[in-house]
């Protein structure tokens, strides 16, 4: 399946490909284009648009795109829910203080964006281990809070 979004990705537009490849479609292909071209590319390529205004897999009802994808695909995993809180806080400026880890993820993701600019596929490759590690940490944290 192909997915399309705006180029010059940072938090949500890198976290979403990690989520999609890890839990939905390991063979997913991601297209990054100028924002005004997303709808046309989605139609021409048969790609699902995400993290752009007016789409189901975008910022809807207070959710960031990462959370919208979790909801749409029925992903039920307490560690993934915890990670979603972190991604949300890192992506939505008004909610950066909602969970302590969000500010750290925001700084790291924006740092990658500064260093690698529009090289969005490189950012996915470089940040995937970061999301793997953060998800592992979330699994550990969730396990600590489960009743025995």
Foldseek 3Di string as FASTA:
>chain_A
DEEEEAFLDFQPVLVQVLCCCVPPNVPYHYYHHHHVCRVVCCVVVVHHYACHPPHQQACDPNAHSLVSVCVVVVPDDQLSVVVRLLSSLLVPVVNVVVDVNNVVRVVVRVVCSVVPPRPSVVSNVVCSVVVVVSSVVSVVVVVVPDDD
